[in-house]
Amino acid sequence: MQDNLQISLLYDFYGPLLSDNMQQAVELYYNDDLSLSEVADIMGISRQGVRDTLSRAVKKLDDFESKLFLVSRFEQEQKILEKI
């Protein structure tokens, strides 16, 4: 599993490509640092529903990155800029 920072970075690039439900779950859990229970209460679904939604969202984010490489290119450019 990736760390929260990496998932948030992927979300920054590819978040609009996710469904509204997935966007809300990722925002609340990874960006707002709420627990599964808190996210479940806000979204009106079970904790397992939140976990499943987050799992699908992270998989989609990884799939987007494996095809588009936007985050990889961004990180490479950042390293180059640091050297300059």
N, C-alpha and C. Protein backbone atom coordinates (compact mmCIF):
# COMPACT_ATOMS: atom_id res chain seq x y z
N MET A 1 0.84 -1.19 0.00
CA MET A 1 0.00 0.00 0.00
C MET A 1 0.88 1.25 0.00
N GLN A 2 0.47 2.22 -0.73
CA GLN A 2 1.22 3.47 -0.82
C GLN A 2 0.98 4.32 0.41
N ASP A 3 1.89 5.25 0.63
CA ASP A 3 1.68 6.14 1.77
C ASP A 3 0.67 7.22 1.41
N ASN A 4 0.13 7.84 2.42
CA ASN A 4 -0.94 8.82 2.23
C ASN A 4 -0.51 10.00 1.38
N LEU A 5 0.74 10.42 1.52
CA LEU A 5 1.23 11.55 0.75
C LEU A 5 1.23 11.24 -0.75
N GLN A 6 1.66 10.04 -1.11
CA GLN A 6 1.69 9.64 -2.52
C GLN A 6 0.26 9.56 -3.08
N ILE A 7 -0.65 9.03 -2.30
CA ILE A 7 -2.04 8.95 -2.76
C ILE A 7 -2.63 10.35 -2.92
N SER A 8 -2.33 11.25 -2.01
CA SER A 8 -2.81 12.62 -2.13
C SER A 8 -2.24 13.30 -3.37
N LEU A 9 -0.99 13.02 -3.68
CA LEU A 9 -0.37 13.58 -4.88
C LEU A 9 -1.04 13.03 -6.14
N LEU A 10 -1.27 11.73 -6.16
CA LEU A 10 -1.99 11.14 -7.29
C LEU A 10 -3.38 11.76 -7.42
N TYR A 11 -4.03 11.96 -6.29
CA TYR A 11 -5.36 12.56 -6.29
C TYR A 11 -5.34 13.98 -6.84
N ASP A 12 -4.30 14.74 -6.51
CA ASP A 12 -4.19 16.10 -7.03
C ASP A 12 -4.16 16.11 -8.56
N PHE A 13 -3.51 15.14 -9.14
CA PHE A 13 -3.40 15.07 -10.59
C PHE A 13 -4.62 14.44 -11.25
N TYR A 14 -5.13 13.37 -10.67
CA TYR A 14 -6.16 12.58 -11.33
C TYR A 14 -7.52 12.59 -10.65
N GLY A 15 -7.67 13.31 -9.56
CA GLY A 15 -8.92 13.33 -8.81
C GLY A 15 -10.16 13.60 -9.64
N PRO A 16 -10.12 14.58 -10.54
CA PRO A 16 -11.33 14.86 -11.34
C PRO A 16 -11.78 13.69 -12.22
N LEU A 17 -10.93 12.72 -12.43
CA LEU A 17 -11.29 11.57 -13.25
C LEU A 17 -12.05 10.51 -12.45
N LEU A 18 -12.10 10.66 -11.13
CA LEU A 18 -12.82 9.71 -10.27
C LEU A 18 -14.29 10.10 -10.17
N SER A 19 -15.11 9.15 -9.76
CA SER A 19 -16.53 9.45 -9.53
C SER A 19 -16.66 10.39 -8.33
N ASP A 20 -17.79 11.02 -8.22
CA ASP A 20 -18.03 11.96 -7.11
C ASP A 20 -17.89 11.26 -5.76
N ASN A 21 -18.40 10.03 -5.66
CA ASN A 21 -18.31 9.26 -4.42
C ASN A 21 -16.85 8.99 -4.05
N MET A 22 -16.08 8.58 -5.04
CA MET A 22 -14.66 8.29 -4.79
C MET A 22 -13.92 9.56 -4.41
N GLN A 23 -14.23 10.65 -5.09
CA GLN A 23 -13.58 11.93 -4.76
C GLN A 23 -13.85 12.32 -3.31
N GLN A 24 -15.11 12.20 -2.90
CA GLN A 24 -15.47 12.57 -1.54
C GLN A 24 -14.74 11.69 -0.52
N ALA A 25 -14.71 10.39 -0.77
CA ALA A 25 -14.05 9.48 0.17
C ALA A 25 -12.55 9.78 0.28
N VAL A 26 -11.89 10.00 -0.85
CA VAL A 26 -10.45 10.30 -0.83
C VAL A 26 -10.19 11.63 -0.13
N GLU A 27 -11.00 12.63 -0.45
CA GLU A 27 -10.84 13.94 0.20
C GLU A 27 -10.93 13.81 1.72
N LEU A 28 -11.99 13.14 2.17
CA LEU A 28 -12.22 13.05 3.61
C LEU A 28 -11.17 12.19 4.31
N TYR A 29 -10.83 11.05 3.73
CA TYR A 29 -9.93 10.12 4.41
C TYR A 29 -8.46 10.53 4.31
N TYR A 30 -8.01 10.82 3.10
CA TYR A 30 -6.59 11.12 2.91
C TYR A 30 -6.24 12.59 3.12
N ASN A 31 -7.07 13.49 2.61
CA ASN A 31 -6.74 14.91 2.71
C ASN A 31 -7.18 15.53 4.03
N ASP A 32 -8.37 15.15 4.52
CA ASP A 32 -8.87 15.71 5.78
C ASP A 32 -8.50 14.85 6.99
N ASP A 33 -7.90 13.69 6.74
CA ASP A 33 -7.40 12.79 7.79
C ASP A 33 -8.49 12.34 8.76
N LEU A 34 -9.67 12.02 8.22
CA LEU A 34 -10.75 11.50 9.05
C LEU A 34 -10.66 9.97 9.10
N SER A 35 -11.23 9.38 10.13
CA SER A 35 -11.24 7.93 10.25
C SER A 35 -12.27 7.32 9.31
N LEU A 36 -12.19 6.01 9.13
CA LEU A 36 -13.18 5.32 8.30
C LEU A 36 -14.59 5.53 8.85
N SER A 37 -14.72 5.48 10.16
CA SER A 37 -16.04 5.68 10.79
C SER A 37 -16.58 7.08 10.53
N GLU A 38 -15.72 8.07 10.65
CA GLU A 38 -16.15 9.45 10.41
C GLU A 38 -16.57 9.65 8.95
N VAL A 39 -15.78 9.09 8.04
CA VAL A 39 -16.12 9.19 6.62
C VAL A 39 -17.43 8.47 6.35
N ALA A 40 -17.61 7.29 6.95
CA ALA A 40 -18.84 6.52 6.77
C ALA A 40 -20.05 7.31 7.24
N ASP A 41 -19.94 7.97 8.39
CA ASP A 41 -21.04 8.79 8.91
C ASP A 41 -21.39 9.93 7.95
N ILE A 42 -20.37 10.61 7.45
CA ILE A 42 -20.59 11.74 6.54
C ILE A 42 -21.21 11.28 5.23
N MET A 43 -20.72 10.15 4.71
CA MET A 43 -21.19 9.68 3.40
C MET A 43 -22.47 8.85 3.50
N GLY A 44 -22.82 8.45 4.70
CA GLY A 44 -24.03 7.66 4.90
C GLY A 44 -23.91 6.22 4.42
N ILE A 45 -22.70 5.67 4.53
CA ILE A 45 -22.46 4.27 4.15
C ILE A 45 -21.70 3.59 5.27
N SER A 46 -21.49 2.29 5.14
CA SER A 46 -20.78 1.54 6.18
C SER A 46 -19.27 1.78 6.08
N ARG A 47 -18.57 1.41 7.15
CA ARG A 47 -17.10 1.50 7.15
C ARG A 47 -16.53 0.65 6.03
N GLN A 48 -17.11 -0.54 5.84
CA GLN A 48 -16.64 -1.42 4.77
C GLN A 48 -16.89 -0.78 3.41
N GLY A 49 -17.99 -0.08 3.28
CA GLY A 49 -18.28 0.64 2.03
C GLY A 49 -17.23 1.70 1.74
N VAL A 50 -16.81 2.40 2.79
CA VAL A 50 -15.77 3.41 2.64
C VAL A 50 -14.46 2.74 2.23
N ARG A 51 -14.13 1.66 2.91
CA ARG A 51 -12.89 0.94 2.61
C ARG A 51 -12.88 0.45 1.17
N ASP A 52 -13.99 -0.10 0.72
CA ASP A 52 -14.10 -0.58 -0.67
C ASP A 52 -13.98 0.57 -1.66
N THR A 53 -14.64 1.68 -1.36
CA THR A 53 -14.59 2.85 -2.24
C THR A 53 -13.16 3.39 -2.32
N LEU A 54 -12.48 3.47 -1.18
CA LEU A 54 -11.10 3.95 -1.17
C LEU A 54 -10.18 3.00 -1.93
N SER A 55 -10.40 1.71 -1.76
CA SER A 55 -9.59 0.73 -2.46
C SER A 55 -9.74 0.86 -3.97
N ARG A 56 -10.98 0.99 -4.43
CA ARG A 56 -11.22 1.16 -5.87
C ARG A 56 -10.64 2.48 -6.37
N ALA A 57 -10.75 3.53 -5.57
CA ALA A 57 -10.23 4.84 -5.97
C ALA A 57 -8.72 4.80 -6.11
N VAL A 58 -8.04 4.20 -5.14
CA VAL A 58 -6.57 4.12 -5.19
C VAL A 58 -6.13 3.28 -6.39
N LYS A 59 -6.85 2.20 -6.66
CA LYS A 59 -6.52 1.38 -7.83
C LYS A 59 -6.67 2.18 -9.11
N LYS A 60 -7.74 2.96 -9.21
CA LYS A 60 -7.94 3.80 -10.40
C LYS A 60 -6.83 4.85 -10.51
N LEU A 61 -6.48 5.47 -9.41
CA LEU A 61 -5.40 6.47 -9.43
C LEU A 61 -4.10 5.84 -9.91
N ASP A 62 -3.80 4.64 -9.41
CA ASP A 62 -2.59 3.93 -9.85
C ASP A 62 -2.67 3.59 -11.33
N ASP A 63 -3.83 3.18 -11.80
CA ASP A 63 -4.01 2.86 -13.21
C ASP A 63 -3.78 4.10 -14.09
N PHE A 64 -4.33 5.23 -13.66
CA PHE A 64 -4.13 6.46 -14.42
C PHE A 64 -2.64 6.80 -14.51
N GLU A 65 -1.95 6.68 -13.38
CA GLU A 65 -0.52 7.01 -13.34
C GLU A 65 0.28 6.04 -14.22
N SER A 66 -0.09 4.77 -14.22
CA SER A 66 0.66 3.80 -15.02
C SER A 66 0.48 4.04 -16.52
N LYS A 67 -0.56 4.77 -16.90
CA LYS A 67 -0.80 5.06 -18.31
C LYS A 67 -0.34 6.46 -18.72
N LEU A 68 -0.44 7.41 -17.81
CA LEU A 68 -0.17 8.81 -18.16
C LEU A 68 1.16 9.36 -17.62
N PHE A 69 1.65 8.82 -16.53
CA PHE A 69 2.94 9.20 -15.94
C PHE A 69 3.06 10.68 -15.58
N LEU A 70 1.96 11.34 -15.26
CA LEU A 70 2.03 12.76 -14.94
C LEU A 70 2.78 13.02 -13.63
N VAL A 71 2.51 12.21 -12.63
CA VAL A 71 3.17 12.40 -11.33
C VAL A 71 4.66 12.09 -11.45
N SER A 72 5.01 11.04 -12.17
CA SER A 72 6.42 10.69 -12.36
C SER A 72 7.18 11.81 -13.04
N ARG A 73 6.58 12.36 -14.08
CA ARG A 73 7.23 13.47 -14.79
C ARG A 73 7.36 14.69 -13.88
N PHE A 74 6.32 14.95 -13.12
CA PHE A 74 6.36 16.08 -12.19
C PHE A 74 7.49 15.91 -11.18
N GLU A 75 7.62 14.71 -10.62
CA GLU A 75 8.68 14.46 -9.62
C GLU A 75 10.06 14.57 -10.25
N GLN A 76 10.22 14.10 -11.48
CA GLN A 76 11.50 14.23 -12.19
C GLN A 76 11.85 15.70 -12.41
N GLU A 77 10.86 16.47 -12.82
CA GLU A 77 11.09 17.90 -13.04
C GLU A 77 11.46 18.60 -11.73
N GLN A 78 10.83 18.21 -10.65
CA GLN A 78 11.15 18.79 -9.34
C GLN A 78 12.60 18.51 -8.97
N LYS A 79 13.07 17.30 -9.22
CA LYS A 79 14.46 16.94 -8.91
C LYS A 79 15.43 17.77 -9.75
N ILE A 80 15.10 17.98 -11.01
CA ILE A 80 15.94 18.79 -11.89
C ILE A 80 15.98 20.23 -11.41
N LEU A 81 14.83 20.75 -11.03
CA LEU A 81 14.76 22.12 -10.54
C LEU A 81 15.56 22.31 -9.25
N GLU A 82 15.56 21.29 -8.40
CA GLU A 82 16.33 21.37 -7.16
C GLU A 82 17.82 21.46 -7.44
N LYS A 83 18.27 20.75 -8.49
CA LYS A 83 19.69 20.79 -8.84
C LYS A 83 20.10 22.15 -9.39
N ILE A 84 19.15 22.80 -10.05
CA ILE A 84 19.45 24.12 -10.64
C ILE A 84 19.50 25.11 -9.50
